[in-house]
Amino acid sequence: MTYLLVKWLHVLAAIIAVGANATYGIWIARATRTPAALLFTLRVIKQIDDRVANPCYGLLLLTGAVMIYSVGASLLTPWLLLSLICYALIAIIGAFGYTPTLKRQIEVLERDGADSASYREVAARGTTLGIVLAVLAMIVVFLMVVKPRLWA
């Protein structure tokens, strides 16, 4: 029963973290067409990222570790190892790429406006990093659900 509760919490955290992240592009695209809403939208995305999505990613690591330990799984199981590598990449790119870029995007928007070359540059970087993170997250979800036999 405890394992199933931890698994439920793990799946719930994944839904919240990945689900929240999946909406960012929609919010930004919509707000870009309504420049008066852009600054507010970016600030809310930053708040959701900092206070909801990222803590859920931390909870994913914790609950995943508990499940691995409780069933005695090997970290060298191919789908699990690849998932952990992708998770580490998500954490590194998120912490050192996306989060600082989003913060910079807000700063540049406040200072220079949405029509400035500096804003377009940092917004493009944010979009690129967001796409990379989304692809990595989809890979992790695929690996967790399908558990494919990748190599012997």
Protein backbone atom coordinates (compact mmCIF):
# COMPACT_ATOMS: atom_id res chain seq x y z
CA MET A 1 0.00 0.00 0.00
CA THR A 2 2.81 2.44 0.84
CA TYR A 3 4.45 1.77 -2.53
CA LEU A 4 1.21 2.55 -4.35
CA LEU A 5 0.80 5.83 -2.46
CA VAL A 6 4.35 6.83 -3.35
CA LYS A 7 3.71 5.83 -6.96
CA TRP A 8 0.50 7.88 -7.00
CA LEU A 9 2.39 10.89 -5.61
CA HIS A 10 5.11 10.34 -8.24
CA VAL A 11 2.58 10.27 -11.09
CA LEU A 12 0.72 13.28 -9.68
CA ALA A 13 3.97 15.27 -9.43
CA ALA A 14 4.81 14.33 -13.04
CA ILE A 15 1.40 15.46 -14.26
CA ILE A 16 1.72 18.79 -12.45
CA ALA A 17 5.35 19.49 -13.41
CA VAL A 18 5.20 18.46 -17.05
CA GLY A 19 1.66 19.78 -17.45
CA ALA A 20 2.58 23.20 -16.11
CA ASN A 21 5.65 23.37 -18.35
CA ALA A 22 3.61 22.31 -21.38
CA THR A 23 1.43 25.41 -21.05
CA TYR A 24 4.24 27.98 -21.06
CA GLY A 25 4.54 28.16 -24.83
CA ILE A 26 0.81 28.67 -25.23
CA TRP A 27 0.74 31.45 -22.62
CA ILE A 28 3.74 33.21 -24.14
CA ALA A 29 2.44 32.92 -27.72
CA ARG A 30 -0.92 34.30 -26.66
CA ALA A 31 0.58 37.15 -24.60
CA THR A 32 2.95 38.10 -27.42
CA ARG A 33 -0.12 39.03 -29.45
CA THR A 34 -1.31 41.18 -26.52
CA PRO A 35 1.83 43.06 -25.46
CA ALA A 36 0.10 44.66 -22.46
CA ALA A 37 -0.29 41.16 -20.99
CA LEU A 38 3.22 39.91 -21.80
CA LEU A 39 5.03 41.12 -18.68
CA PHE A 40 2.30 39.82 -16.39
CA THR A 41 2.30 36.47 -18.22
CA LEU A 42 6.07 36.02 -17.96
CA ARG A 43 6.00 36.86 -14.26
CA VAL A 44 3.24 34.33 -13.63
CA ILE A 45 5.12 31.67 -15.61
CA LYS A 46 8.22 32.38 -13.52
CA GLN A 47 6.17 32.04 -10.34
CA ILE A 48 4.57 28.77 -11.49
CA ASP A 49 7.99 27.45 -12.51
CA ASP A 50 9.63 28.40 -9.21
CA ARG A 51 6.81 27.46 -6.85
CA VAL A 52 4.94 24.64 -8.55
CA ALA A 53 6.74 22.90 -11.43
CA ASN A 54 10.29 22.85 -10.05
CA PRO A 55 9.26 21.62 -6.56
CA CYS A 56 7.29 18.86 -8.30
CA TYR A 57 10.42 17.88 -10.25
CA GLY A 58 12.22 17.63 -6.90
CA LEU A 59 9.40 15.48 -5.55
CA LEU A 60 9.74 13.27 -8.63
CA LEU A 61 13.36 12.58 -7.78
CA LEU A 62 12.51 11.78 -4.17
CA THR A 63 9.53 9.53 -4.89
CA GLY A 64 11.38 7.85 -7.74
CA ALA A 65 14.29 7.06 -5.43
CA VAL A 66 11.90 5.63 -2.83
CA MET A 67 10.27 3.39 -5.45
CA ILE A 68 13.62 2.23 -6.82
CA TYR A 69 14.82 1.38 -3.32
CA SER A 70 11.58 -0.32 -2.30
CA VAL A 71 11.55 -2.71 -5.27
CA GLY A 72 15.31 -3.21 -5.36
CA ALA A 73 15.64 -2.04 -8.95
CA SER A 74 19.06 -1.48 -10.44
CA LEU A 75 20.00 2.03 -11.53
CA LEU A 76 21.70 0.34 -14.47
CA THR A 77 18.39 -0.90 -15.88
CA PRO A 78 18.58 0.72 -19.33
CA TRP A 79 15.24 2.59 -19.35
CA LEU A 80 15.83 3.78 -15.80
CA LEU A 81 19.42 4.85 -16.44
CA LEU A 82 18.43 6.78 -19.58
CA SER A 83 15.53 8.38 -17.68
CA LEU A 84 17.89 9.53 -14.94
CA ILE A 85 20.32 10.95 -17.49
CA CYS A 86 17.49 12.87 -19.17
CA TYR A 87 16.24 14.02 -15.75
CA ALA A 88 19.73 15.30 -14.90
CA LEU A 89 19.86 17.16 -18.23
CA ILE A 90 16.44 18.69 -17.49
CA ALA A 91 17.65 19.83 -14.08
CA ILE A 92 20.90 21.30 -15.44
CA ILE A 93 19.32 23.02 -18.46
CA GLY A 94 16.43 24.24 -16.35
CA ALA A 95 18.57 25.62 -13.52
CA PHE A 96 21.38 27.09 -15.60
CA GLY A 97 19.58 27.83 -18.86
CA TYR A 98 15.82 28.25 -18.78
CA THR A 99 15.36 29.85 -15.35
CA PRO A 100 18.03 32.52 -15.85
CA THR A 101 16.78 33.13 -19.40
CA LEU A 102 13.21 33.63 -18.19
CA LYS A 103 14.44 36.04 -15.52
CA ARG A 104 16.47 37.90 -18.14
CA GLN A 105 13.49 37.93 -20.51
CA ILE A 106 11.41 39.70 -17.86
CA GLU A 107 14.20 42.21 -17.16
CA VAL A 108 14.78 43.01 -20.84
CA LEU A 109 11.05 43.31 -21.50
CA GLU A 110 10.70 45.81 -18.64
CA ARG A 111 13.72 47.81 -19.80
CA ASP A 112 13.59 47.66 -23.60
CA GLY A 113 10.10 46.51 -24.55
CA ALA A 114 8.81 43.61 -26.62
CA ASP A 115 9.81 45.14 -29.96
CA SER A 116 13.50 45.46 -29.09
CA ALA A 117 16.15 43.25 -30.67
CA SER A 118 17.48 42.39 -27.21
CA TYR A 119 14.07 41.10 -26.11
CA ARG A 120 13.55 39.09 -29.30
CA GLU A 121 16.99 37.51 -28.80
CA VAL A 122 16.38 36.43 -25.21
CA ALA A 123 12.82 35.31 -26.05
CA ALA A 124 14.18 33.13 -28.87
CA ARG A 125 16.69 31.58 -26.44
CA GLY A 126 13.84 30.87 -24.02
CA THR A 127 11.80 29.24 -26.76
CA THR A 128 14.72 27.04 -27.83
CA LEU A 129 15.46 25.96 -24.27
CA GLY A 130 11.77 25.31 -23.65
CA ILE A 131 11.58 23.03 -26.68
CA VAL A 132 14.69 21.11 -25.60
CA LEU A 133 13.27 20.67 -22.09
CA ALA A 134 9.89 19.56 -23.46
CA VAL A 135 11.51 16.92 -25.67
CA LEU A 136 13.59 15.61 -22.75
CA ALA A 137 10.51 15.48 -20.52
CA MET A 138 8.57 13.57 -23.18
CA ILE A 139 11.44 11.08 -23.44
CA VAL A 140 11.38 10.54 -19.68
CA VAL A 141 7.60 10.05 -19.63
CA PHE A 142 7.86 7.60 -22.53
CA LEU A 143 10.61 5.63 -20.80
CA MET A 144 8.74 5.55 -17.49
CA VAL A 145 5.49 4.33 -19.05
CA VAL A 146 6.79 1.96 -21.76
CA LYS A 147 9.97 0.73 -19.99
CA PRO A 148 11.44 -0.43 -23.30
CA ARG A 149 14.23 -2.95 -23.50
CA LEU A 150 16.92 -0.68 -24.93
CA TRP A 151 19.99 -2.89 -24.74
CA ALA A 152 20.88 -6.20 -23.15
